[in-house]
């Protein structure tokens, strides 16, 4: 079998899954295009904005993708390509895409509130606070680690900095043309999308090298870029979505589409042979040099390509507030994740064609491995290998920026929710609730102060270097977040008296794998890294408490069902 045949089979499988299992989920969740969405009923011009599906897909896809669908499969390929491929195919369709779609539907049906709001309805105030605190800690890690990674990349590859700043500068101009000057989306796209691609060679021609321009050393340059990124994400978290976040993600998504198209065409044209072993064993020395077990490492490494808890925060945090019609929920919520799966398979094909010795070395830098593999395939198209590699590297860095600014906005939402005394149903209740708050809660439910609070903690973590030490546990905590989101989905489906087992089974699987991964990290780092061990224990305790609380509620629902009563004790 060749890599091109494998990719075509995977593509056909994902298309069938979209119409097959996706259609089944539409029926379970009773998607109704005539039901008004929060973007219309709660329009505020800042967070709640009805958005054309192609723009919203771009925002959602660019926000959830990042480098994850590329990095995870390549890291997992040390066990062989077959386990990684199986988890991408099965996990993406029945776990990850379902997880994203369900989180989006539930949020839309609850006035655009996050999953934590629904958790409060199902599990009470304590359940909500545990979940919000858990997500808050995870997002701090996301922002801190991504800030370090992007600032470091700006220093090492100044062309990336130039291209990224160009993308940011173009976003409000694009928004002004479409929102104020009356440009149609298609007309504005014909002008600005080519400029997005031209930013890549522009960055290569005029790299923004702070070390050369201002005589800084590498550390000083990284600190400067960290400060610039802090200001950017602070602005991105409070500005109306249609002026920065939405247009930037929409334009950036075309870079990802370009990467997908380039990868797909080059793989078909090159038709690479598979040189990697299908299965190398249940244990392997991974990129970090440590001996790792297939279970649970495979399911921790491959997150975004198969299932990622961060996606639920995006779906219920920003995407649900921009959903124009429920008919767009399947292509945005379910379809975007399937495209991630295709990208994950491409990443696998890119390294499957490498000689084992080459992969062992390049696999330590997954982004470089992907860029090297695909750029080599591009040679049969007559494209310059070196330029193709630069384009792919710059495109991936742009995706990291979209994840960074979206994560910051989500962090702002979580800070506001964390300090609210209870779930608020409408504007009048919100005013009454805030009037009763103390000064600290009143300040931290304000979007500006909440953003400043979140960014300050994230940047402190980035500067302290602790985020790098916490990276190993981030993957496990991300999957644990997915398991907890499935707990909410299970309870919601159970309350609607529909097939809740479709969420319960993935919940059990994700909880077992993620807790197993965290316990493994705790045992490995015991006595070596206090921060890592204490963080692992804290996350484990919070998740176990939520699982126990959820088990109690599920038992209550089942008893009520078999006794002929609903969960409130009333006769149906």
Protein backbone atom coordinates (compact mmCIF):
# COMPACT_ATOMS: atom_id res chain seq x y z
CA UNK A 1 0.00 0.00 0.00
CA UNK A 2 1.21 3.53 -0.80
CA UNK A 3 0.68 6.68 1.21
CA UNK A 4 -1.58 8.13 -1.49
CA UNK A 5 -3.92 5.11 -1.40
CA UNK A 6 -4.03 5.26 2.38
CA UNK A 7 -4.94 8.96 2.27
CA UNK A 8 -7.71 8.38 -0.28
CA UNK A 9 -9.21 5.58 1.83
CA UNK A 10 -9.14 7.84 4.91
CA UNK A 11 -10.77 10.70 2.98
CA UNK A 12 -13.59 8.43 1.75
CA UNK A 13 -14.07 7.14 5.30
CA UNK A 14 -14.40 10.66 6.76
CA UNK A 15 -16.88 11.71 4.06
CA UNK A 16 -19.01 8.63 4.80
CA UNK A 17 -18.76 9.33 8.55
CA UNK A 18 -19.96 12.93 8.09
CA UNK A 19 -23.18 11.88 6.38
CA UNK A 20 -23.61 8.61 8.31
CA UNK A 21 -22.72 9.12 11.97
CA UNK A 22 -23.05 12.89 11.62
CA UNK A 23 -26.60 12.48 10.35
CA UNK A 24 -27.37 10.15 13.26
CA UNK A 25 -26.14 12.75 15.74
CA UNK A 26 -28.29 15.42 14.08
CA UNK A 27 -31.33 13.26 14.77
CA UNK A 28 -30.32 12.54 18.38
CA UNK A 29 -29.79 16.22 19.15
CA UNK A 30 -32.84 17.26 17.08
CA UNK A 31 -31.10 19.99 15.11
CA UNK A 32 -33.74 22.52 14.01
CA UNK A 33 -32.80 25.29 11.52
CA UNK A 34 -35.90 27.24 12.58
CA UNK A 35 -34.89 27.46 16.25
CA UNK A 36 -33.40 30.93 16.97
CA UNK A 37 -29.77 30.94 18.10
CA UNK A 38 -28.16 33.06 20.86
CA UNK A 39 -26.20 35.03 18.22
CA UNK A 40 -29.56 36.53 17.19
CA UNK A 41 -31.55 36.54 20.43
CA UNK A 42 -28.64 37.93 22.50
CA UNK A 43 -26.83 39.99 19.87
CA UNK A 44 -24.43 42.48 21.48
CA UNK A 45 -21.99 43.22 18.65
CA UNK A 46 -19.04 42.03 20.76
CA UNK A 47 -19.32 38.31 21.53
CA UNK A 48 -22.79 37.45 20.19
CA UNK A 49 -22.65 38.10 16.44
CA UNK A 50 -24.51 36.08 13.71
CA UNK A 51 -21.76 34.92 11.36
CA UNK A 52 -21.79 33.42 7.84
CA UNK A 53 -20.94 29.70 8.07
CA UNK A 54 -17.82 29.94 5.91
CA UNK A 55 -16.39 32.63 8.22
CA UNK A 56 -17.42 30.77 11.37
CA UNK A 57 -15.94 27.53 10.05
CA UNK A 58 -12.68 29.38 9.45
CA UNK A 59 -12.65 30.79 12.99
CA UNK A 60 -13.55 27.47 14.61
CA UNK A 61 -11.21 25.37 12.47
CA UNK A 62 -8.24 27.70 12.88
CA UNK A 63 -8.84 27.94 16.64
CA UNK A 64 -9.02 24.20 17.32
CA UNK A 65 -6.34 23.09 14.85
CA UNK A 66 -3.11 24.81 15.80
CA UNK A 67 -0.15 22.45 15.37
CA UNK A 68 -1.90 19.62 17.25
CA UNK A 69 -3.11 17.47 14.30
CA UNK A 70 0.45 17.50 12.97
CA UNK A 71 2.48 17.16 16.16
CA UNK A 72 0.42 14.42 17.87
CA UNK A 73 0.38 11.76 15.12
CA UNK A 74 4.10 12.21 14.44
CA UNK A 75 4.93 11.84 18.15
CA UNK A 76 2.78 8.70 18.27
CA UNK A 77 4.39 7.24 15.13
CA UNK A 78 7.27 5.94 17.28
CA UNK A 79 4.92 3.03 18.08
CA UNK A 80 4.35 2.45 14.35
CA UNK A 81 1.91 4.01 11.91
CA UNK A 82 -0.98 1.57 12.39
CA UNK A 83 -1.92 2.35 16.06
CA UNK A 84 -1.77 6.07 15.31
CA UNK A 85 -3.92 5.69 12.19
CA UNK A 86 -6.51 3.53 13.97
CA UNK A 87 -6.91 6.04 16.81
CA UNK A 88 -7.24 8.94 14.35
CA UNK A 89 -9.91 7.13 12.29
CA UNK A 90 -11.95 5.74 15.19
CA UNK A 91 -11.33 8.51 17.69
CA UNK A 92 -12.00 11.39 15.32
CA UNK A 93 -15.40 10.13 14.13
CA UNK A 94 -16.88 8.54 17.27
CA UNK A 95 -15.15 10.53 20.01
CA UNK A 96 -13.59 13.83 18.97
CA UNK A 97 -16.01 15.12 16.32
CA UNK A 98 -18.97 13.95 18.42
CA UNK A 99 -17.45 15.71 21.48
CA UNK A 100 -17.06 19.02 19.58
CA UNK A 101 -20.51 18.87 17.96
CA UNK A 102 -22.28 17.99 21.21
CA UNK A 103 -20.53 20.76 23.16
CA UNK A 104 -21.58 23.24 20.48
CA UNK A 105 -25.22 22.08 20.42
CA UNK A 106 -25.55 22.13 24.21
CA UNK A 107 -24.05 25.62 24.42
CA UNK A 108 -26.34 26.98 21.68
CA UNK A 109 -29.36 25.47 23.47
CA UNK A 110 -28.26 27.19 26.70
CA UNK A 111 -28.07 30.78 25.43
CA UNK A 112 -24.44 30.53 24.39
CA UNK A 113 -23.22 29.70 27.89
CA UNK A 114 -20.19 27.48 28.29
CA UNK A 115 -20.18 23.80 29.20
CA UNK A 116 -19.54 24.79 32.83
CA UNK A 117 -22.92 26.56 32.95
CA UNK A 118 -24.62 23.35 31.84
CA UNK A 119 -22.59 21.45 34.41
CA UNK A 120 -24.04 23.69 37.13
CA UNK A 121 -27.55 22.87 35.95
CA UNK A 122 -26.72 19.16 36.06
CA UNK A 123 -24.29 18.93 38.99
CA UNK A 124 -24.82 22.05 41.09
CA UNK A 125 -22.63 25.02 41.93
CA UNK A 126 -19.77 22.96 43.35
CA UNK A 127 -19.59 20.88 40.17
CA UNK A 128 -19.45 24.04 38.09
CA UNK A 129 -16.70 25.61 40.19
CA UNK A 130 -14.60 22.45 40.04
CA UNK A 131 -14.94 22.28 36.27
CA UNK A 132 -14.29 25.99 35.71
CA UNK A 133 -11.23 25.83 37.96
CA UNK A 134 -9.95 22.80 36.07
CA UNK A 135 -10.44 24.48 32.67
CA UNK A 136 -8.92 27.72 33.96
CA UNK A 137 -5.73 25.90 34.98
CA UNK A 138 -5.54 24.13 31.60
CA UNK A 139 -5.98 27.36 29.64
CA UNK A 140 -3.28 29.09 31.68
CA UNK A 141 -0.94 26.33 30.49
CA UNK A 142 -2.13 26.65 26.88
CA UNK A 143 -1.49 30.40 26.77
CA UNK A 144 1.81 30.24 28.68
CA UNK A 145 3.26 27.41 26.61
CA UNK A 146 2.06 28.80 23.26
CA UNK A 147 3.39 32.26 24.15
CA UNK A 148 6.80 30.75 24.85
CA UNK A 149 6.72 28.69 21.67
CA UNK A 150 5.65 31.58 19.42
CA UNK A 151 8.08 34.08 20.99
CA UNK A 152 10.87 31.53 20.59
CA UNK A 153 9.94 30.92 16.96
CA UNK A 154 9.88 34.68 16.28
CA UNK A 155 13.47 34.85 17.57
CA UNK A 156 14.72 31.80 15.67
CA UNK A 157 12.80 32.48 12.44
CA UNK A 158 12.22 36.28 12.18
CA UNK A 159 10.31 35.77 8.91
CA UNK A 160 7.52 34.18 10.98
CA UNK A 161 7.26 37.36 13.08
CA UNK A 162 6.89 39.56 9.99
CA UNK A 163 4.22 37.32 8.44
CA UNK A 164 2.29 37.02 11.73
CA UNK A 165 2.24 40.79 12.30
CA UNK A 166 1.08 41.25 8.71
CA UNK A 167 -1.83 38.87 9.33
CA UNK A 168 -2.81 40.82 12.46
CA UNK A 169 -2.61 44.18 10.67
CA UNK A 170 -4.76 42.94 7.77
CA UNK A 171 -7.58 41.67 10.02
CA UNK A 172 -9.13 45.02 11.10
CA UNK A 173 -8.70 46.39 7.56
CA UNK A 174 -10.59 43.36 6.21
CA UNK A 175 -13.26 43.91 8.87
CA UNK A 176 -13.57 47.61 8.02
CA UNK A 177 -14.07 46.81 4.35
CA UNK A 178 -16.81 44.27 5.04
CA UNK A 179 -18.50 45.97 8.03
CA UNK A 180 -18.26 49.65 7.08
CA UNK A 181 -17.46 50.02 3.38
CA UNK A 182 -20.06 47.49 2.25
CA UNK A 183 -17.69 45.01 0.59
CA UNK A 184 -19.22 41.59 0.03
CA UNK A 185 -17.37 38.76 1.76
CA UNK A 186 -16.47 37.23 -1.59
CA UNK A 187 -15.12 40.52 -2.97
CA UNK A 188 -13.05 41.22 0.15
CA UNK A 189 -11.73 37.66 0.09
CA UNK A 190 -10.51 38.04 -3.52
CA UNK A 191 -8.45 41.03 -2.36
CA UNK A 192 -7.17 39.91 1.02
CA UNK A 193 -6.64 36.16 0.68
CA UNK A 194 -3.88 36.60 -1.94
CA UNK A 195 -2.29 39.14 0.43
CA UNK A 196 -2.26 36.47 3.13
CA UNK A 197 -0.22 34.18 0.92
CA UNK A 198 2.01 37.06 -0.19
CA UNK A 199 2.81 37.71 3.48
CA UNK A 200 4.84 34.49 3.45
CA UNK A 201 7.46 35.63 0.91
CA UNK A 202 7.18 39.15 2.34
CA UNK A 203 8.23 37.78 5.73
CA UNK A 204 11.12 35.91 4.16
CA UNK A 205 12.28 39.06 2.35
CA UNK A 206 11.98 41.37 5.38
CA UNK A 207 12.49 39.26 8.52
CA UNK A 208 11.86 41.20 11.73
CA UNK A 209 15.06 40.27 13.57
CA UNK A 210 15.12 42.16 16.90
CA UNK A 211 18.65 40.96 17.64
CA UNK A 212 19.99 42.64 14.51
CA UNK A 213 17.72 45.71 14.61
CA UNK A 214 18.14 46.61 18.29
CA UNK A 215 21.27 44.74 19.33
CA UNK A 216 19.42 42.44 21.73
CA UNK A 217 20.58 39.00 22.75
CA UNK A 218 18.32 35.98 22.22
CA UNK A 219 16.84 36.22 25.75
CA UNK A 220 16.12 39.93 25.39
CA UNK A 221 14.47 39.38 22.01
CA UNK A 222 12.26 36.62 23.43
CA UNK A 223 11.20 38.81 26.38
CA UNK A 224 10.34 41.63 23.97
CA UNK A 225 8.22 39.36 21.79
CA UNK A 226 6.53 37.97 24.92
CA UNK A 227 5.54 41.51 25.90
CA UNK A 228 4.22 42.21 22.39
CA UNK A 229 2.20 38.99 22.43
CA UNK A 230 0.79 39.87 25.87
CA UNK A 231 -0.54 43.19 24.54
CA UNK A 232 -1.94 41.49 21.45
CA UNK A 233 -3.82 38.73 23.26
CA UNK A 234 -5.16 41.24 25.80
CA UNK A 235 -6.66 43.27 22.95
CA UNK A 236 -7.89 40.14 21.15
CA UNK A 237 -9.78 38.99 24.25
CA UNK A 238 -11.89 42.16 24.61
CA UNK A 239 -12.31 43.58 21.10
CA UNK A 240 -15.53 42.70 19.25
CA UNK A 241 -15.00 39.36 17.50
CA UNK A 242 -15.87 40.75 14.07
CA UNK A 243 -13.01 43.28 14.22
CA UNK A 244 -10.01 41.09 15.00
CA UNK A 245 -10.54 37.47 16.03
CA UNK A 246 -13.09 36.57 13.36
CA UNK A 247 -11.40 38.12 10.28
CA UNK A 248 -7.92 37.00 11.35
CA UNK A 249 -9.02 33.41 11.86
CA UNK A 250 -11.02 33.49 8.61
CA UNK A 251 -8.00 34.65 6.59
CA UNK A 252 -5.62 32.32 8.42
CA UNK A 253 -7.89 29.38 7.69
CA UNK A 254 -7.02 29.75 3.99
CA UNK A 255 -3.40 29.10 4.88
CA UNK A 256 -4.53 25.86 6.43
CA UNK A 257 -6.68 25.06 3.40
CA UNK A 258 -3.63 25.78 1.25
CA UNK A 259 -1.52 23.47 3.41
CA UNK A 260 -4.17 20.74 3.10
CA UNK A 261 -4.43 21.18 -0.67
CA UNK A 262 -0.65 21.24 -1.12
CA UNK A 263 -0.25 18.16 1.05
CA UNK A 264 -3.07 16.23 -0.66
CA UNK A 265 -1.97 16.99 -4.23
CA UNK A 266 1.72 16.36 -3.53
CA UNK A 267 0.99 13.02 -1.82
CA UNK A 268 -1.19 11.89 -4.74
CA UNK A 269 1.44 12.97 -7.26
CA UNK A 270 4.43 11.51 -5.38
CA UNK A 271 2.62 8.32 -4.25
CA UNK A 272 5.16 7.65 -1.46
CA UNK A 273 6.00 4.14 -0.40
CA UNK A 274 5.52 3.22 3.26
CA UNK A 275 8.93 2.61 4.85
CA UNK A 276 7.85 2.70 8.50
CA UNK A 277 6.88 -0.44 10.42
CA UNK A 278 3.13 -0.75 10.96
CA UNK A 279 3.61 -1.76 14.60
CA UNK A 280 6.81 -1.53 16.63
CA UNK A 281 5.53 -2.93 19.91
CA UNK A 282 3.64 -1.92 23.03
CA UNK A 283 6.67 0.00 24.29
CA UNK A 284 8.94 2.39 22.41
CA UNK A 285 11.51 5.11 23.02
CA UNK A 286 9.63 8.27 22.05
CA UNK A 287 10.93 11.68 20.92
CA UNK A 288 11.74 12.77 24.49
CA UNK A 289 14.14 9.85 24.86
CA UNK A 290 12.00 8.04 27.44
CA UNK A 291 10.60 4.53 27.21
CA UNK A 292 6.81 4.89 26.90
CA UNK A 293 3.92 2.42 26.83
CA UNK A 294 1.39 2.39 23.99
CA UNK A 295 -1.37 2.56 26.61
CA UNK A 296 -2.08 5.32 27.55
CA UNK A 297 0.62 7.33 25.71
CA UNK A 298 -0.95 6.96 22.25
CA UNK A 299 -4.21 8.54 23.43
CA UNK A 300 -2.39 11.37 25.19
CA UNK A 301 -0.09 12.22 22.27
CA UNK A 302 -2.84 12.30 19.63
CA UNK A 303 -5.32 14.84 20.95
CA UNK A 304 -6.34 17.36 18.27
CA UNK A 305 -6.25 14.71 15.52
CA UNK A 306 -8.67 12.44 17.41
CA UNK A 307 -10.14 14.11 20.53
CA UNK A 308 -9.23 17.24 22.49
CA UNK A 309 -10.93 18.80 25.50
CA UNK A 310 -9.80 22.27 24.42
CA UNK A 311 -12.20 22.02 21.48
CA UNK A 312 -15.22 21.99 23.82
CA UNK A 313 -14.08 25.31 25.29
CA UNK A 314 -13.83 26.80 21.79
CA UNK A 315 -17.18 25.34 20.68
CA UNK A 316 -19.04 26.53 23.78
CA UNK A 317 -16.96 29.65 24.35
CA UNK A 318 -16.73 31.59 21.09
CA UNK A 319 -18.25 29.50 18.26
CA UNK A 320 -21.70 29.04 19.87
CA UNK A 321 -22.07 32.82 20.28
CA UNK A 322 -21.59 33.32 16.52
CA UNK A 323 -23.80 30.48 15.24
CA UNK A 324 -26.26 32.02 12.77
CA UNK A 325 -28.43 28.92 12.34
CA UNK A 326 -28.57 25.44 13.85
CA UNK A 327 -28.16 23.99 10.35
CA UNK A 328 -24.52 25.19 10.51
CA UNK A 329 -23.74 23.19 13.65
CA UNK A 330 -22.90 19.92 11.90
CA UNK A 331 -20.47 21.32 9.29
CA UNK A 332 -18.80 23.60 11.84
CA UNK A 333 -18.83 21.42 14.96
CA UNK A 334 -18.53 17.96 13.43
CA UNK A 335 -17.01 18.71 10.01
CA UNK A 336 -14.10 20.83 11.27
CA UNK A 337 -12.90 17.96 13.44
CA UNK A 338 -13.04 15.54 10.51
CA UNK A 339 -10.82 17.89 8.50
CA UNK A 340 -8.40 17.77 11.43
CA UNK A 341 -8.43 14.00 11.10
CA UNK A 342 -7.46 14.31 7.42
CA UNK A 343 -4.59 16.60 8.39
CA UNK A 344 -3.53 14.03 11.00
CA UNK A 345 -3.42 11.28 8.36
CA UNK A 346 -1.36 13.58 6.09
CA UNK A 347 1.12 14.11 8.92
CA UNK A 348 1.45 10.35 9.29
CA UNK A 349 2.01 9.86 5.55
CA UNK A 350 4.67 12.59 5.62
CA UNK A 351 6.82 10.54 8.03
CA UNK A 352 5.78 7.03 6.96
CA UNK A 353 7.77 7.53 3.75
CA UNK A 354 10.97 8.40 5.62
CA UNK A 355 13.78 5.96 6.25
CA UNK A 356 13.66 4.74 9.88
CA UNK A 357 16.94 6.47 10.73
CA UNK A 358 15.72 9.78 9.32
CA UNK A 359 12.44 9.62 11.24
CA UNK A 360 14.18 8.80 14.52
CA UNK A 361 16.02 12.12 14.24
CA UNK A 362 13.41 14.37 12.59
CA UNK A 363 10.58 13.05 14.77
CA UNK A 364 12.06 14.99 17.69
CA UNK A 365 10.79 18.14 15.94
CA UNK A 366 7.36 17.17 14.53
CA UNK A 367 6.79 20.48 12.72
CA UNK A 368 10.15 20.13 10.94
CA UNK A 369 9.41 16.46 10.17
CA UNK A 370 6.05 17.35 8.59
CA UNK A 371 7.50 20.26 6.61
CA UNK A 372 10.40 18.09 5.39
CA UNK A 373 8.17 15.21 4.33
CA UNK A 374 5.55 17.26 2.45
CA UNK A 375 8.12 19.59 0.86
CA UNK A 376 9.94 16.53 -0.54
CA UNK A 377 6.67 15.36 -2.08
CA UNK A 378 6.22 18.84 -3.61
CA UNK A 379 9.32 18.32 -5.74
CA UNK A 380 7.29 16.25 -8.23
CA UNK A 381 5.02 19.28 -8.73
CA UNK A 382 8.00 21.36 -9.82
CA UNK A 383 7.97 23.42 -6.60
CA UNK A 384 11.17 24.45 -4.87
CA UNK A 385 11.67 22.16 -1.84
CA UNK A 386 13.23 24.89 0.30
CA UNK A 387 10.44 27.40 -0.39
CA UNK A 388 7.76 24.75 0.24
CA UNK A 389 9.33 24.01 3.62
CA UNK A 390 9.37 27.72 4.57
CA UNK A 391 5.71 28.09 3.54
CA UNK A 392 4.62 25.07 5.58
CA UNK A 393 6.58 26.18 8.65
CA UNK A 394 5.14 29.71 8.48
CA UNK A 395 1.62 28.36 7.99
CA UNK A 396 1.88 26.16 11.08
CA UNK A 397 3.15 29.10 13.15
CA UNK A 398 0.13 31.13 12.05
CA UNK A 399 -2.18 28.38 13.33
CA UNK A 400 -0.49 28.58 16.72
CA UNK A 401 -1.38 32.28 16.89
CA UNK A 402 -5.07 31.55 16.28
CA UNK A 403 -5.11 29.04 19.14
CA UNK A 404 -3.32 31.55 21.38
CA UNK A 405 -5.76 34.44 20.95
CA UNK A 406 -8.83 32.20 21.12
CA UNK A 407 -7.54 30.56 24.32
CA UNK A 408 -7.09 34.01 25.88
CA UNK A 409 -10.66 35.03 25.10
CA UNK A 410 -11.88 31.72 26.55
CA UNK A 411 -9.75 32.39 29.64
CA UNK A 412 -11.52 35.72 30.06
CA UNK A 413 -14.91 33.99 29.89
CA UNK A 414 -13.81 31.46 32.52
CA UNK A 415 -12.55 34.15 34.93
CA UNK A 416 -15.91 35.89 34.67
CA UNK A 417 -17.76 32.61 35.27
CA UNK A 418 -15.47 31.59 38.14
CA UNK A 419 -16.36 34.70 40.13
CA UNK A 420 -20.07 34.73 39.39
CA UNK A 421 -21.98 33.46 42.46
CA UNK A 422 -24.36 31.37 40.37
CA UNK A 423 -25.50 30.75 36.81
CA UNK A 424 -27.25 33.77 35.33
CA UNK A 425 -30.16 33.34 32.97
CA UNK A 426 -30.66 36.83 31.52
CA UNK A 427 -29.47 40.44 31.66
CA UNK A 428 -31.72 41.49 34.57
CA UNK A 429 -30.52 38.58 36.72
CA UNK A 430 -26.95 39.41 35.77
CA UNK A 431 -27.38 42.97 37.05
CA UNK A 432 -28.98 41.75 40.30
CA UNK A 433 -26.24 39.17 40.86
CA UNK A 434 -23.44 41.67 40.26
CA UNK A 435 -25.08 44.22 42.56
CA UNK A 436 -24.76 41.75 45.45
CA UNK A 437 -21.09 40.92 44.79
CA UNK A 438 -18.11 42.10 46.76
CA UNK A 439 -15.60 44.43 45.15
CA UNK A 440 -13.26 41.59 44.07
CA UNK A 441 -16.01 39.63 42.32
CA UNK A 442 -17.42 42.78 40.80
CA UNK A 443 -14.04 43.70 39.33
CA UNK A 444 -13.20 40.22 38.02
CA UNK A 445 -16.55 39.79 36.24
CA UNK A 446 -15.72 42.90 34.21
CA UNK A 447 -14.35 41.78 30.84
CA UNK A 448 -11.38 44.17 30.91
CA UNK A 449 -10.20 43.29 34.40
CA UNK A 450 -10.93 39.59 33.84
CA UNK A 451 -8.77 39.66 30.69
CA UNK A 452 -5.96 41.50 32.46
CA UNK A 453 -6.09 39.02 35.36
CA UNK A 454 -5.92 36.00 33.05
CA UNK A 455 -3.19 37.42 30.80
CA UNK A 456 -1.08 38.49 33.80
CA UNK A 457 -1.09 34.98 35.31
CA UNK A 458 -0.41 33.35 31.92
CA UNK A 459 2.51 35.65 31.12
CA UNK A 460 3.91 35.17 34.63
CA UNK A 461 3.86 31.41 34.01
CA UNK A 462 5.50 31.91 30.61
CA UNK A 463 8.27 34.06 32.08
CA UNK A 464 8.83 31.79 35.06
CA UNK A 465 9.56 28.83 32.83
CA UNK A 466 7.18 26.62 34.84
CA UNK A 467 4.94 26.18 31.82
CA UNK A 468 7.67 24.23 30.06
CA UNK A 469 7.99 21.96 33.09
CA UNK A 470 4.21 21.43 33.13
CA UNK A 471 4.01 20.54 29.42
CA UNK A 472 4.05 16.75 29.98
CA UNK A 473 0.94 16.97 32.13
CA UNK A 474 -0.86 19.34 29.80
CA UNK A 475 -1.57 16.59 27.26
CA UNK A 476 -3.13 14.34 29.90
CA UNK A 477 -5.12 17.21 31.44
CA UNK A 478 -6.42 18.17 28.00
CA UNK A 479 -7.78 14.66 27.47
CA UNK A 480 -9.15 14.65 31.00
CA UNK A 481 -11.07 17.80 30.10
CA UNK A 482 -12.58 15.88 27.18
CA UNK A 483 -13.65 13.10 29.53
CA UNK A 484 -15.32 15.62 31.85
CA UNK A 485 -17.06 17.27 28.91
CA UNK A 486 -18.42 13.84 27.93
CA UNK A 487 -19.74 13.57 31.49
CA UNK A 488 -21.80 16.74 30.88
CA UNK A 489 -22.95 15.44 27.48
CA UNK A 490 -23.98 12.14 29.08
CA UNK A 491 -26.03 13.89 31.76
CA UNK A 492 -27.64 16.19 29.19
CA UNK A 493 -28.66 13.30 26.93
CA UNK A 494 -29.85 11.33 29.95
CA UNK A 495 -32.05 14.26 31.00
CA UNK A 496 -33.54 14.30 27.49
CA UNK A 497 -34.13 10.52 27.70
CA UNK A 498 -32.29 9.76 24.46
CA UNK A 499 -29.38 7.41 23.69
CA UNK A 500 -26.96 8.63 26.38
CA UNK A 501 -24.68 5.59 26.03
CA UNK A 502 -23.11 7.11 22.88
CA UNK A 503 -21.50 9.67 25.21
CA UNK A 504 -21.08 7.46 28.28
CA UNK A 505 -18.77 4.94 26.58
CA UNK A 506 -16.34 7.59 25.21
CA UNK A 507 -16.44 9.26 28.63
CA UNK A 508 -15.28 6.08 30.38
CA UNK A 509 -12.53 5.53 27.81
CA UNK A 510 -11.19 9.09 27.96
CA UNK A 511 -11.33 9.23 31.76
CA UNK A 512 -9.43 5.95 32.14
CA UNK A 513 -6.72 6.87 29.61
CA UNK A 514 -6.21 10.43 30.87
CA UNK A 515 -6.14 9.52 34.58
CA UNK A 516 -3.82 6.65 33.77
CA UNK A 517 -1.55 9.11 31.97
CA UNK A 518 -1.56 11.56 34.89
CA UNK A 519 -0.83 8.83 37.44
CA UNK A 520 2.05 7.67 35.25
CA UNK A 521 3.52 11.18 35.21
CA UNK A 522 3.12 11.50 38.99
CA UNK A 523 4.94 8.22 39.58
CA UNK A 524 7.73 9.12 37.14
CA UNK A 525 8.25 12.62 38.58
CA UNK A 526 7.78 11.76 42.28
CA UNK A 527 10.70 13.22 44.16
CA UNK A 528 12.02 15.02 41.06
CA UNK A 529 9.52 17.73 40.13
CA UNK A 530 7.28 19.09 42.88
CA UNK A 531 5.32 21.39 40.54
CA UNK A 532 4.51 18.59 38.14
CA UNK A 533 3.50 16.15 40.89
CA UNK A 534 1.37 18.68 42.80
CA UNK A 535 -0.38 19.81 39.60
CA UNK A 536 -1.10 16.21 38.67
CA UNK A 537 -2.53 15.45 42.10
CA UNK A 538 -4.70 18.60 42.04
CA UNK A 539 -6.12 17.82 38.60
CA UNK A 540 -6.71 14.18 39.54
CA UNK A 541 -8.54 15.08 42.74
CA UNK A 542 -10.78 17.63 41.01
CA UNK A 543 -11.65 15.23 38.20
CA UNK A 544 -12.34 12.29 40.53
CA UNK A 545 -14.64 14.48 42.64
CA UNK A 546 -16.54 15.49 39.51
CA UNK A 547 -16.78 11.86 38.35
CA UNK A 548 -18.14 10.76 41.74
CA UNK A 549 -20.68 13.58 41.71
CA UNK A 550 -21.64 12.68 38.15
CA UNK A 551 -22.02 8.99 39.03
CA UNK A 552 -24.41 9.95 41.83
CA UNK A 553 -26.54 12.00 39.44
CA UNK A 554 -26.54 9.29 36.75
CA UNK A 555 -27.66 6.75 39.36
CA UNK A 556 -30.41 9.13 40.46
CA UNK A 557 -31.61 9.57 36.87
CA UNK A 558 -31.64 5.83 36.24
CA UNK A 559 -33.54 5.06 39.44
CA UNK A 560 -36.08 7.73 38.57
CA UNK A 561 -36.41 6.33 35.04
CA UNK A 562 -37.01 2.74 36.14
CA UNK A 563 -39.48 3.88 38.81
CA UNK A 564 -41.52 5.80 36.22
CA UNK A 565 -40.53 9.25 37.47
CA UNK A 566 -38.31 11.95 36.04
CA UNK A 567 -35.15 13.14 37.77
CA UNK A 568 -37.11 15.68 39.79
CA UNK A 569 -39.26 12.95 41.29
CA UNK A 570 -42.39 13.89 39.34
CA UNK A 571 -44.45 11.37 37.41
CA UNK A 572 -43.83 11.60 33.67
